[in-house]
PDB file of N, CA and C in Angstrom:
ATOM      1  N   MET A   1      88.794 114.840 129.600  1.00  0.00           N
ATOM      2  CA  MET A   1      89.192 113.605 129.194  1.00  0.00           C
ATOM      3  C   MET A   1      88.425 113.533 127.953  1.00  0.00           C
ATOM      4  N   GLU A   2      89.150 113.090 126.604  1.00  0.00           N
ATOM      5  CA  GLU A   2      88.509 112.759 125.615  1.00  0.00           C
ATOM      6  C   GLU A   2      88.095 111.053 125.603  1.00  0.00           C
ATOM      7  N   ALA A   3      87.148 111.109 124.420  1.00  0.00           N
ATOM      8  CA  ALA A   3      86.493 109.709 124.708  1.00  0.00           C
ATOM      9  C   ALA A   3      87.377 108.839 124.051  1.00  0.00           C
ATOM     10  N   SER A   4      88.523 109.168 122.898  1.00  0.00           N
ATOM     11  CA  SER A   4      89.100 108.119 122.661  1.00  0.00           C
ATOM     12  C   SER A   4      89.985 107.511 123.522  1.00  0.00           C
ATOM     13  N   MET A   5      90.378 108.413 124.623  1.00  0.00           N
ATOM     14  CA  MET A   5      91.285 108.143 125.682  1.00  0.00           C
ATOM     15  C   MET A   5      90.547 107.100 126.621  1.00  0.00           C
ATOM     16  N   LEU A   6      89.397 107.224 126.680  1.00  0.00           N
ATOM     17  CA  LEU A   6      88.683 106.172 127.642  1.00  0.00           C
ATOM     18  C   LEU A   6      88.306 104.819 126.808  1.00  0.00           C
ATOM     19  N   VAL A   7      88.415 104.625 125.541  1.00  0.00           N
ATOM     20  CA  VAL A   7      87.980 103.467 124.997  1.00  0.00           C
ATOM     21  C   VAL A   7      89.036 103.091 124.242  1.00  0.00           C
ATOM     22  N   ARG A   8      89.885 102.276 124.893  1.00  0.00           N
ATOM     23  CA  ARG A   8      91.269 101.808 124.145  1.00  0.00           C
ATOM     24  C   ARG A   8      90.845 100.277 123.985  1.00  0.00           C
ATOM     25  N   THR A   9      91.205  99.991 122.730  1.00  0.00           N
ATOM     26  CA  THR A   9      91.079  98.549 122.384  1.00  0.00           C
ATOM     27  C   THR A   9      92.552  97.927 122.343  1.00  0.00           C
ATOM     28  N   PRO A  10      92.589  96.962 122.864  1.00  0.00           N
ATOM     29  CA  PRO A  10      93.954  96.116 122.533  1.00  0.00           C
ATOM     30  C   PRO A  10      94.239  95.753 121.136  1.00  0.00           C
ATOM     31  N   PRO A  11      95.099  95.581 120.621  1.00  0.00           N
ATOM     32  CA  PRO A  11      95.534  95.251 119.134  1.00  0.00           C
ATOM     33  C   PRO A  11      95.182  93.895 119.162  1.00  0.00           C
ATOM     34  N   ASN A  12      94.602  93.563 117.900  1.00  0.00           N
ATOM     35  CA  ASN A  12      94.369  92.113 117.597  1.00  0.00           C
ATOM     36  C   ASN A  12      95.593  91.429 117.326  1.00  0.00           C
ATOM     37  N   GLU A  13      96.016  90.397 117.940  1.00  0.00           N
ATOM     38  CA  GLU A  13      97.469  89.878 117.748  1.00  0.00           C
ATOM     39  C   GLU A  13      97.394  88.834 116.397  1.00  0.00           C
ATOM     40  N   LYS A  14      96.004  88.495 115.668  1.00  0.00           N
ATOM     41  CA  LYS A  14      96.026  87.750 114.457  1.00  0.00           C
ATOM     42  C   LYS A  14      96.011  88.487 113.440  1.00  0.00           C
ATOM     43  N   ILE A  15      96.292  89.832 113.301  1.00  0.00           N
ATOM     44  CA  ILE A  15      96.045  90.564 112.504  1.00  0.00           C
ATOM     45  C   ILE A  15      97.704  90.999 112.143  1.00  0.00           C
ATOM     46  N   GLU A  16      98.002  90.698 110.695  1.00  0.00           N
ATOM     47  CA  GLU A  16      99.389  91.392 110.238  1.00  0.00           C
ATOM     48  C   GLU A  16      99.296  92.724 110.076  1.00  0.00           C
ATOM     49  N   SER A  17     100.457  93.511 109.747  1.00  0.00           N
ATOM     50  CA  SER A  17     100.263  94.697 109.360  1.00  0.00           C
ATOM     51  C   SER A  17     100.047  94.743 107.864  1.00  0.00           C
ATOM     52  N   PHE A  18      99.209  95.546 107.219  1.00  0.00           N
ATOM     53  CA  PHE A  18      98.870  95.529 105.893  1.00  0.00           C
ATOM     54  C   PHE A  18      98.390  96.968 105.469  1.00  0.00           C
ATOM     55  N   GLY A  19      98.439  97.211 104.262  1.00  0.00           N
ATOM     56  CA  GLY A  19      97.904  98.631 103.514  1.00  0.00           C
ATOM     57  C   GLY A  19      97.197  98.580 102.398  1.00  0.00           C
ATOM     58  N   PRO A  20      96.881  99.836 102.077  1.00  0.00           N
ATOM     59  CA  PRO A  20      96.085  99.706 100.454  1.00  0.00           C
ATOM     60  C   PRO A  20      96.963  99.023  99.542  1.00  0.00           C
ATOM     61  N   GLY A  21      96.399  98.294  98.584  1.00  0.00           N
ATOM     62  CA  GLY A  21      96.989  97.486  97.645  1.00  0.00           C
ATOM     63  C   GLY A  21      97.367  96.107  97.765  1.00  0.00           C
ATOM     64  N   ASP A  22      97.500  95.726  99.306  1.00  0.00           N
ATOM     65  CA  ASP A  22      97.623  94.317  99.621  1.00  0.00           C
ATOM     66  C   ASP A  22      96.425  93.626  99.148  1.00  0.00           C
ATOM     67  N   THR A  23      96.928  92.124  98.863  1.00  0.00           N
ATOM     68  CA  THR A  23      95.867  91.068  98.874  1.00  0.00           C
ATOM     69  C   THR A  23      95.685  90.541 100.015  1.00  0.00           C
ATOM     70  N   VAL A  24      94.807  90.387 100.769  1.00  0.00           N
ATOM     71  CA  VAL A  24      94.555  89.829 101.943  1.00  0.00           C
ATOM     72  C   VAL A  24      93.434  89.065 102.252  1.00  0.00           C
ATOM     73  N   ARG A  25      93.545  87.851 102.966  1.00  0.00           N
ATOM     74  CA  ARG A  25      92.566  86.649 103.044  1.00  0.00           C
ATOM     75  C   ARG A  25      92.040  87.209 104.512  1.00  0.00           C
ATOM     76  N   VAL A  26      90.937  87.372 104.733  1.00  0.00           N
ATOM     77  CA  VAL A  26      90.313  87.755 106.174  1.00  0.00           C
ATOM     78  C   VAL A  26      89.360  86.578 106.522  1.00  0.00           C
ATOM     79  N   ASN A  27      89.750  85.714 107.526  1.00  0.00           N
ATOM     80  CA  ASN A  27      88.723  84.870 108.487  1.00  0.00           C
ATOM     81  C   ASN A  27      87.904  85.222 109.054  1.00  0.00           C
ATOM     82  N   PHE A  28      86.652  85.310 108.930  1.00  0.00           N
ATOM     83  CA  PHE A  28      85.578  86.110 109.751  1.00  0.00           C
ATOM     84  C   PHE A  28      84.544  85.072 110.111  1.00  0.00           C
ATOM     85  N   ARG A  29      84.455  85.114 111.543  1.00  0.00           N
ATOM     86  CA  ARG A  29      83.543  84.140 112.050  1.00  0.00           C
ATOM     87  C   ARG A  29      81.894  84.553 111.969  1.00  0.00           C
ATOM     88  N   ILE A  30      81.196  83.795 111.349  1.00  0.00           N
ATOM     89  CA  ILE A  30      79.829  84.163 110.839  1.00  0.00           C
ATOM     90  C   ILE A  30      78.906  83.331 111.933  1.00  0.00           C
ATOM     91  N   ARG A  31      77.941  83.802 112.531  1.00  0.00           N
ATOM     92  CA  ARG A  31      76.929  82.957 113.211  1.00  0.00           C
ATOM     93  C   ARG A  31      75.662  82.789 112.451  1.00  0.00           C
ATOM     94  N   GLU A  32      75.394  81.463 112.304  1.00  0.00           N
ATOM     95  CA  GLU A  32      74.152  81.158 111.702  1.00  0.00           C
ATOM     96  C   GLU A  32      73.182  80.689 112.465  1.00  0.00           C
ATOM     97  N   GLY A  33      72.269  80.984 113.188  1.00  0.00           N
ATOM     98  CA  GLY A  33      71.400  80.566 114.190  1.00  0.00           C
ATOM     99  C   GLY A  33      72.250  79.967 115.423  1.00  0.00           C
ATOM    100  N   ASP A  34      72.218  78.614 115.456  1.00  0.00           N
ATOM    101  CA  ASP A  34      72.931  78.324 116.748  1.00  0.00           C
ATOM    102  C   ASP A  34      74.463  77.855 116.567  1.00  0.00           C
ATOM    103  N   ARG A  35      74.685  77.815 115.408  1.00  0.00           N
ATOM    104  CA  ARG A  35      75.979  77.307 114.595  1.00  0.00           C
ATOM    105  C   ARG A  35      76.874  78.658 114.269  1.00  0.00           C
ATOM    106  N   GLU A  36      78.285  78.384 114.496  1.00  0.00           N
ATOM    107  CA  GLU A  36      79.193  79.283 114.162  1.00  0.00           C
ATOM    108  C   GLU A  36      80.185  78.701 113.309  1.00  0.00           C
ATOM    109  N   ARG A  37      80.548  79.508 112.086  1.00  0.00           N
ATOM    110  CA  ARG A  37      81.409  78.920 111.221  1.00  0.00           C
ATOM    111  C   ARG A  37      82.585  80.116 110.677  1.00  0.00           C
ATOM    112  N   VAL A  38      83.338  79.654 110.215  1.00  0.00           N
ATOM    113  CA  VAL A  38      84.554  80.610 109.538  1.00  0.00           C
ATOM    114  C   VAL A  38      84.515  80.863 108.203  1.00  0.00           C
ATOM    115  N   GLN A  39      84.015  82.038 107.617  1.00  0.00           N
ATOM    116  CA  GLN A  39      84.206  82.050 106.042  1.00  0.00           C
ATOM    117  C   GLN A  39      85.451  83.095 105.686  1.00  0.00           C
ATOM    118  N   ALA A  40      85.945  82.711 104.524  1.00  0.00           N
ATOM    119  CA  ALA A  40      87.302  83.552 104.345  1.00  0.00           C
ATOM    120  C   ALA A  40      86.773  84.460 103.176  1.00  0.00           C
ATOM    121  N   PHE A  41      87.439  85.508 103.083  1.00  0.00           N
ATOM    122  CA  PHE A  41      87.074  86.785 102.089  1.00  0.00           C
ATOM    123  C   PHE A  41      88.353  86.989 101.501  1.00  0.00           C
ATOM    124  N   GLN A  42      88.851  86.964 100.301  1.00  0.00           N
ATOM    125  CA  GLN A  42      90.198  87.217  99.970  1.00  0.00           C
ATOM    126  C   GLN A  42      89.819  88.524  98.747  1.00  0.00           C
ATOM    127  N   GLY A  43      90.658  89.340  98.885  1.00  0.00           N
ATOM    128  CA  GLY A  43      90.489  90.413  97.769  1.00  0.00           C
ATOM    129  C   GLY A  43      91.638  91.494  98.259  1.00  0.00           C
ATOM    130  N   VAL A  44      91.475  92.572  97.487  1.00  0.00           N
ATOM    131  CA  VAL A  44      92.548  93.953  97.619  1.00  0.00           C
ATOM    132  C   VAL A  44      91.841  94.705  98.701  1.00  0.00           C
ATOM    133  N   VAL A  45      92.894  95.194  99.695  1.00  0.00           N
ATOM    134  CA  VAL A  45      92.423  96.248 100.535  1.00  0.00           C
ATOM    135  C   VAL A  45      92.522  97.554  99.533  1.00  0.00           C
ATOM    136  N   ILE A  46      91.262  98.066  99.495  1.00  0.00           N
ATOM    137  CA  ILE A  46      91.131  99.520  98.963  1.00  0.00           C
ATOM    138  C   ILE A  46      90.921 100.827  99.579  1.00  0.00           C
ATOM    139  N   ARG A  47      90.965 100.609 101.126  1.00  0.00           N
ATOM    140  CA  ARG A  47      90.799 101.523 102.060  1.00  0.00           C
ATOM    141  C   ARG A  47      91.062 101.374 103.452  1.00  0.00           C
ATOM    142  N   LEU A  48      91.875 102.000 104.165  1.00  0.00           N
ATOM    143  CA  LEU A  48      91.850 102.132 105.465  1.00  0.00           C
ATOM    144  C   LEU A  48      91.506 103.266 106.004  1.00  0.00           C
ATOM    145  N   GLN A  49      90.618 103.143 107.200  1.00  0.00           N
ATOM    146  CA  GLN A  49      90.046 104.240 107.732  1.00  0.00           C
ATOM    147  C   GLN A  49      90.080 104.571 109.322  1.00  0.00           C
ATOM    148  N   ASN A  50      90.566 105.380 109.654  1.00  0.00           N
ATOM    149  CA  ASN A  50      90.864 106.046 111.156  1.00  0.00           C
ATOM    150  C   ASN A  50      91.888 105.342 111.942  1.00  0.00           C
ATOM    151  N   GLY A  51      92.865 105.188 111.056  1.00  0.00           N
ATOM    152  CA  GLY A  51      94.360 104.898 111.444  1.00  0.00           C
ATOM    153  C   GLY A  51      94.176 103.357 112.318  1.00  0.00           C
ATOM    154  N   SER A  52      94.370 103.763 113.763  1.00  0.00           N
ATOM    155  CA  SER A  52      94.272 102.498 114.579  1.00  0.00           C
ATOM    156  C   SER A  52      93.676 102.495 115.877  1.00  0.00           C
ATOM    157  N   GLY A  53      92.525 103.525 115.761  1.00  0.00           N
ATOM    158  CA  GLY A  53      91.473 103.724 116.591  1.00  0.00           C
ATOM    159  C   GLY A  53      90.843 102.520 116.762  1.00  0.00           C
ATOM    160  N   SER A  54      89.712 102.529 117.932  1.00  0.00           N
ATOM    161  CA  SER A  54      88.743 101.575 117.937  1.00  0.00           C
ATOM    162  C   SER A  54      87.758 101.296 117.079  1.00  0.00           C
ATOM    163  N   ALA A  55      87.471 102.694 116.332  1.00  0.00           N
ATOM    164  CA  ALA A  55      86.486 102.776 115.126  1.00  0.00           C
ATOM    165  C   ALA A  55      87.172 102.502 113.811  1.00  0.00           C
ATOM    166  N   SER A  56      88.356 102.143 113.859  1.00  0.00           N
ATOM    167  CA  SER A  56      88.977 102.010 112.657  1.00  0.00           C
ATOM    168  C   SER A  56      88.336 100.505 111.605  1.00  0.00           C
ATOM    169  N   ASN A  57      88.182 100.831 110.464  1.00  0.00           N
ATOM    170  CA  ASN A  57      88.024  99.590 109.510  1.00  0.00           C
ATOM    171  C   ASN A  57      88.474  99.532 107.978  1.00  0.00           C
ATOM    172  N   PHE A  58      88.506  98.732 107.659  1.00  0.00           N
ATOM    173  CA  PHE A  58      89.066  98.711 106.111  1.00  0.00           C
ATOM    174  C   PHE A  58      88.289  97.769 105.125  1.00  0.00           C
ATOM    175  N   THR A  59      88.387  98.383 103.810  1.00  0.00           N
ATOM    176  CA  THR A  59      87.346  97.791 102.793  1.00  0.00           C
ATOM    177  C   THR A  59      88.240  96.786 101.927  1.00  0.00           C
ATOM    178  N   VAL A  60      87.752  95.657 101.685  1.00  0.00           N
ATOM    179  CA  VAL A  60      88.232  94.475 100.789  1.00  0.00           C
ATOM    180  C   VAL A  60      87.459  94.443  99.562  1.00  0.00           C
ATOM    181  N   ARG A  61      88.178  94.489  98.223  1.00  0.00           N
ATOM    182  CA  ARG A  61      87.408  94.204  97.195  1.00  0.00           C
ATOM    183  C   ARG A  61      87.783  93.176  96.504  1.00  0.00           C
ATOM    184  N   ARG A  62      86.918  92.419  95.818  1.00  0.00           N
ATOM    185  CA  ARG A  62      87.232  91.178  94.992  1.00  0.00           C
ATOM    186  C   ARG A  62      86.159  91.119  93.870  1.00  0.00           C
ATOM    187  N   ILE A  63      86.608  90.515  92.666  1.00  0.00           N
ATOM    188  CA  ILE A  63      85.849  90.518  91.729  1.00  0.00           C
ATOM    189  C   ILE A  63      85.327  89.066  91.770  1.00  0.00           C
ATOM    190  N   THR A  64      84.087  88.787  91.777  1.00  0.00           N
ATOM    191  CA  THR A  64      83.308  87.313  91.599  1.00  0.00           C
ATOM    192  C   THR A  64      82.392  87.201  90.453  1.00  0.00           C
ATOM    193  N   ALA A  65      82.724  86.234  89.298  1.00  0.00           N
ATOM    194  CA  ALA A  65      81.906  86.112  88.306  1.00  0.00           C
ATOM    195  C   ALA A  65      81.363  87.389  87.667  1.00  0.00           C
ATOM    196  N   GLY A  66      82.562  88.213  87.581  1.00  0.00           N
ATOM    197  CA  GLY A  66      82.650  89.479  86.809  1.00  0.00           C
ATOM    198  C   GLY A  66      81.991  90.596  87.467  1.00  0.00           C
ATOM    199  N   ILE A  67      81.337  90.335  88.843  1.00  0.00           N
ATOM    200  CA  ILE A  67      80.676  91.534  89.782  1.00  0.00           C
ATOM    201  C   ILE A  67      81.728  91.959  90.736  1.00  0.00           C
ATOM    202  N   GLY A  68      81.936  93.138  90.982  1.00  0.00           N
ATOM    203  CA  GLY A  68      82.793  93.687  92.042  1.00  0.00           C
ATOM    204  C   GLY A  68      81.958  93.498  93.567  1.00  0.00           C
ATOM    205  N   ILE A  69      82.717  92.848  94.471  1.00  0.00           N
ATOM    206  CA  ILE A  69      82.099  92.747  95.772  1.00  0.00           C
ATOM    207  C   ILE A  69      83.066  93.522  96.837  1.00  0.00           C
ATOM    208  N   GLU A  70      82.504  94.401  97.587  1.00  0.00           N
ATOM    209  CA  GLU A  70      83.244  94.913  98.648  1.00  0.00           C
ATOM    210  C   GLU A  70      82.686  94.573 100.136  1.00  0.00           C
ATOM    211  N   ARG A  71      83.737  94.557 100.970  1.00  0.00           N
ATOM    212  CA  ARG A  71      83.175  94.345 102.256  1.00  0.00           C
ATOM    213  C   ARG A  71      83.864  95.305 103.361  1.00  0.00           C
ATOM    214  N   ILE A  72      83.264  95.666 104.245  1.00  0.00           N
ATOM    215  CA  ILE A  72      83.891  96.466 105.088  1.00  0.00           C
ATOM    216  C   ILE A  72      84.035  95.660 106.633  1.00  0.00           C
ATOM    217  N   PHE A  73      85.238  95.682 107.056  1.00  0.00           N
ATOM    218  CA  PHE A  73      85.521  95.006 108.269  1.00  0.00           C
ATOM    219  C   PHE A  73      85.977  95.997 109.275  1.00  0.00           C
ATOM    220  N   PRO A  74      85.506  95.670 110.650  1.00  0.00           N
ATOM    221  CA  PRO A  74      86.295  96.604 111.371  1.00  0.00           C
ATOM    222  C   PRO A  74      87.655  95.970 111.906  1.00  0.00           C
ATOM    223  N   LEU A  75      88.428  97.004 112.120  1.00  0.00           N
ATOM    224  CA  LEU A  75      89.739  96.229 112.552  1.00  0.00           C
ATOM    225  C   LEU A  75      89.925  95.616 113.683  1.00  0.00           C
ATOM    226  N   HIS A  76      89.317  95.872 114.731  1.00  0.00           N
ATOM    227  CA  HIS A  76      89.489  95.433 115.872  1.00  0.00           C
ATOM    228  C   HIS A  76      88.507  94.461 116.465  1.00  0.00           C
ATOM    229  N   SER A  77      87.743  93.936 115.520  1.00  0.00           N
ATOM    230  CA  SER A  77      86.412  93.215 115.671  1.00  0.00           C
ATOM    231  C   SER A  77      86.992  91.724 116.314  1.00  0.00           C
ATOM    232  N   PRO A  78      86.116  91.203 117.511  1.00  0.00           N
ATOM    233  CA  PRO A  78      86.500  90.141 117.775  1.00  0.00           C
ATOM    234  C   PRO A  78      86.106  88.798 116.906  1.00  0.00           C
ATOM    235  N   LEU A  79      85.238  88.977 115.749  1.00  0.00           N
ATOM    236  CA  LEU A  79      84.840  88.328 115.154  1.00  0.00           C
ATOM    237  C   LEU A  79      85.746  87.926 113.995  1.00  0.00           C
ATOM    238  N   ILE A  80      86.910  88.708 113.722  1.00  0.00           N
ATOM    239  CA  ILE A  80      87.992  88.430 112.835  1.00  0.00           C
ATOM    240  C   ILE A  80      88.668  87.354 113.511  1.00  0.00           C
ATOM    241  N   ASP A  81      88.745  86.175 112.709  1.00  0.00           N
ATOM    242  CA  ASP A  81      89.598  85.116 113.121  1.00  0.00           C
ATOM    243  C   ASP A  81      90.820  85.176 112.953  1.00  0.00           C
ATOM    244  N   SER A  82      91.202  85.530 111.934  1.00  0.00           N
ATOM    245  CA  SER A  82      92.849  85.776 111.316  1.00  0.00           C
ATOM    246  C   SER A  82      92.796  86.609 110.233  1.00  0.00           C
ATOM    247  N   LEU A  83      93.967  87.375 109.903  1.00  0.00           N
ATOM    248  CA  LEU A  83      93.799  88.042 108.513  1.00  0.00           C
ATOM    249  C   LEU A  83      95.587  87.786 108.153  1.00  0.00           C
ATOM    250  N   GLU A  84      95.395  87.297 107.049  1.00  0.00           N
ATOM    251  CA  GLU A  84      96.575  87.117 106.364  1.00  0.00           C
ATOM    252  C   GLU A  84      97.010  87.535 105.099  1.00  0.00           C
ATOM    253  N   VAL A  85      98.279  88.215 104.908  1.00  0.00           N
ATOM    254  CA  VAL A  85      98.591  89.225 103.593  1.00  0.00           C
ATOM    255  C   VAL A  85      99.146  87.793 102.787  1.00  0.00           C
ATOM    256  N   VAL A  86      98.310  87.938 101.680  1.00  0.00           N
ATOM    257  CA  VAL A  86      98.829  86.973 100.673  1.00  0.00           C
ATOM    258  C   VAL A  86      99.643  87.440  99.593  1.00  0.00           C
ATOM    259  N   ARG A  87      99.616  88.924  99.275  1.00  0.00           N
ATOM    260  CA  ARG A  87     100.590  89.379  98.488  1.00  0.00           C
ATOM    261  C   ARG A  87     100.932  90.966  98.691  1.00  0.00           C
ATOM    262  N   ARG A  88     101.700  91.425  98.527  1.00  0.00           N
ATOM    263  CA  ARG A  88     102.138  93.165  99.132  1.00  0.00           C
ATOM    264  C   ARG A  88     102.128  93.709  97.673  1.00  0.00           C
ATOM    265  N   GLY A  89     101.189  94.577  97.705  1.00  0.00           N
ATOM    266  CA  GLY A  89     100.800  95.436  96.468  1.00  0.00           C
ATOM    267  C   GLY A  89     101.853  96.994  96.833  1.00  0.00           C
ATOM    268  N   SER A  90     102.043  97.420  95.255  1.00  0.00           N
ATOM    269  CA  SER A  90     102.792  98.683  95.341  1.00  0.00           C
ATOM    270  C   SER A  90     102.076  99.688  94.546  1.00  0.00           C
ATOM    271  N   VAL A  91     101.437 100.380  95.506  1.00  0.00           N
ATOM    272  CA  VAL A  91     100.625 101.442  95.057  1.00  0.00           C
ATOM    273  C   VAL A  91     100.968 103.121  95.415  1.00  0.00           C
ATOM    274  N   ARG A  92     100.599 103.970  94.807  1.00  0.00           N
ATOM    275  CA  ARG A  92     100.873 105.456  95.209  1.00  0.00           C
ATOM    276  C   ARG A  92      99.841 106.148  95.599  1.00  0.00           C
ATOM    277  N   ARG A  93      98.724 105.506  96.057  1.00  0.00           N
ATOM    278  CA  ARG A  93      97.556 106.171  96.647  1.00  0.00           C
ATOM    279  C   ARG A  93      97.046 105.561  98.029  1.00  0.00           C
ATOM    280  N   ALA A  94      96.482 106.289  98.854  1.00  0.00           N
ATOM    281  CA  ALA A  94      95.919 105.798  99.953  1.00  0.00           C
ATOM    282  C   ALA A  94      94.475 104.866  99.857  1.00  0.00           C
ATOM    283  N   LYS A  95      93.928 105.861  98.906  1.00  0.00           N
ATOM    284  CA  LYS A  95      92.455 105.289  98.872  1.00  0.00           C
ATOM    285  C   LYS A  95      92.533 104.990  97.213  1.00  0.00           C
ATOM    286  N   LEU A  96      92.175 103.692  97.021  1.00  0.00           N
ATOM    287  CA  LEU A  96      92.083 102.902  95.548  1.00  0.00           C
ATOM    288  C   LEU A  96      90.810 103.041  94.777  1.00  0.00           C
ATOM    289  N   TYR A  97      90.010 103.831  95.462  1.00  0.00           N
ATOM    290  CA  TYR A  97      88.725 103.764  94.532  1.00  0.00           C
ATOM    291  C   TYR A  97      88.635 103.677  93.041  1.00  0.00           C
ATOM    292  N   TYR A  98      89.399 104.174  92.503  1.00  0.00           N
ATOM    293  CA  TYR A  98      89.705 104.022  91.153  1.00  0.00           C
ATOM    294  C   TYR A  98      89.540 102.768  90.535  1.00  0.00           C
ATOM    295  N   LEU A  99      89.995 101.813  91.294  1.00  0.00           N
ATOM    296  CA  LEU A  99      89.809 100.292  90.980  1.00  0.00           C
ATOM    297  C   LEU A  99      88.346  99.873  90.622  1.00  0.00           C
ATOM    298  N   ARG A 100      87.490 100.724  90.918  1.00  0.00           N
ATOM    299  CA  ARG A 100      86.022 100.332  90.731  1.00  0.00           C
ATOM    300  C   ARG A 100      85.762 100.394  89.411  1.00  0.00           C
ATOM    301  N   GLY A 101      86.421 101.084  88.541  1.00  0.00           N
ATOM    302  CA  GLY A 101      86.262 101.398  87.282  1.00  0.00           C
ATOM    303  C   GLY A 101      87.058 100.513  86.247  1.00  0.00           C
ATOM    304  N   LEU A 102      87.812 100.019  86.825  1.00  0.00           N
ATOM    305  CA  LEU A 102      88.701  99.275  85.809  1.00  0.00           C
ATOM    306  C   LEU A 102      88.375  97.419  85.745  1.00  0.00           C
ATOM    307  N   GLN A 103      88.643  96.989  84.943  1.00  0.00           N
ATOM    308  CA  GLN A 103      88.474  95.463  85.009  1.00  0.00           C
ATOM    309  C   GLN A 103      89.759  94.845  84.162  1.00  0.00           C
ATOM    310  N   GLY A 104      89.850  93.585  84.681  1.00  0.00           N
ATOM    311  CA  GLY A 104      90.788  92.806  84.003  1.00  0.00           C
ATOM    312  C   GLY A 104      92.367  92.967  84.399  1.00  0.00           C
ATOM    313  N   ARG A 105      93.006  93.212  83.181  1.00  0.00           N
ATOM    314  CA  ARG A 105      94.325  93.574  83.418  1.00  0.00           C
ATOM    315  C   ARG A 105      94.534  94.983  83.543  1.00  0.00           C
ATOM    316  N   ALA A 106      93.812  95.865  83.313  1.00  0.00           N
ATOM    317  CA  ALA A 106      93.909  97.308  83.993  1.00  0.00           C
ATOM    318  C   ALA A 106      93.747  97.399  85.507  1.00  0.00           C
ATOM    319  N   ALA A 107      92.969  96.191  86.152  1.00  0.00           N
ATOM    320  CA  ALA A 107      93.036  96.545  87.475  1.00  0.00           C
ATOM    321  C   ALA A 107      94.063  95.734  88.418  1.00  0.00           C
ATOM    322  N   ARG A 108      95.078  95.335  87.706  1.00  0.00           N
ATOM    323  CA  ARG A 108      96.118  94.732  88.100  1.00  0.00           C
ATOM    324  C   ARG A 108      97.017  95.676  88.904  1.00  0.00           C
ATOM    325  N   ILE A 109      97.649  95.180  90.148  1.00  0.00           N
ATOM    326  CA  ILE A 109      98.757  96.036  90.893  1.00  0.00           C
ATOM    327  C   ILE A 109      99.672  95.434  91.082  1.00  0.00           C
ATOM    328  N   LYS A 110     100.704  96.261  90.680  1.00  0.00           N
ATOM    329  CA  LYS A 110     102.231  95.598  90.878  1.00  0.00           C
ATOM    330  C   LYS A 110     102.774  95.275  92.243  1.00  0.00           C
ATOM    331  N   GLU A 111     103.294  94.083  92.322  1.00  0.00           N
ATOM    332  CA  GLU A 111     103.858  93.395  93.506  1.00  0.00           C
ATOM    333  C   GLU A 111     104.836  94.154  93.888  1.00  0.00           C
ATOM    334  N   LYS A 112     105.013  94.492  95.329  1.00  0.00           N
ATOM    335  CA  LYS A 112     106.140  95.067  95.931  1.00  0.00           C
ATOM    336  C   LYS A 112     107.069  94.289  96.274  1.00  0.00           C
ATOM    337  N   THR A 113     108.376  94.582  95.717  1.00  0.00           N
ATOM    338  CA  THR A 113     109.523  93.791  95.824  1.00  0.00           C
ATOM    339  C   THR A 113     110.386  93.940  97.062  1.00  0.00           C
ATOM    340  N   PRO A 114     110.857  93.205  97.814  1.00  0.00           N
ATOM    341  CA  PRO A 114     111.576  93.339  99.046  1.00  0.00           C
ATOM    342  C   PRO A 114     112.718  94.346  98.675  1.00  0.00           C
ATOM    343  N   PRO A 115     113.275  94.803  99.450  1.00  0.00           N
ATOM    344  CA  PRO A 115     114.689  95.673  99.279  1.00  0.00           C
ATOM    345  C   PRO A 115     115.662  94.833  99.333  1.00  0.00           C
ATOM    346  N   ARG A 116     116.462  95.096  98.216  1.00  0.00           N
ATOM    347  CA  ARG A 116     117.808  94.373  98.029  1.00  0.00           C
ATOM    348  C   ARG A 116     118.799  94.519  98.802  1.00  0.00           C
ATOM    349  N   PRO A 117     119.375  93.293  99.285  1.00  0.00           N
ATOM    350  CA  PRO A 117     120.617  93.673 100.272  1.00  0.00           C
ATOM    351  C   PRO A 117     121.987  94.490  99.615  1.00  0.00           C
ATOM    352  N   SER A 118     122.322  95.391 100.315  1.00  0.00           N
ATOM    353  CA  SER A 118     123.242  96.053  99.817  1.00  0.00           C
ATOM    354  C   SER A 118     124.630  95.526  99.777  1.00  0.00           C
ATOM    355  N   ARG A 119     125.564  95.469  98.616  1.00  0.00           N
ATOM    356  CA  ARG A 119     126.723  95.180  98.574  1.00  0.00           C
ATOM    357  C   ARG A 119     127.711  95.883  99.236  1.00  0.00           C
ATOM    358  N   GLY A 120     128.695  95.189 100.075  1.00  0.00           N
ATOM    359  CA  GLY A 120     129.428  96.154 100.555  1.00  0.00           C
ATOM    360  C   GLY A 120     130.202  95.635 101.923  1.00  0.00           C
TER     361      GLY A 120
END
């Protein structure tokens, strides 16, 4: 028997489906001493890793005060309070590492338009 079959994690219902290029807001629970609070981190998903398994994670990048900040979140972590897709991005790559070298208008991602209803 494979280890991946033994470790089955139930999918987190608080997470919408998302992909690279999407702008997401991740509400993550943080423990500080004996207190616990929820911190929001909003940015562009530049990477999804390992699909839907228990070890899968994703990287979110945002620019704050001219400095790029990337944070890696485990997809099935119980510390993720919720994940909201703010904007769907249209990209042609699965890994958007090239965004690290771009600034300002060059780092923009086109918004994915919903399919138009057919006339007929």
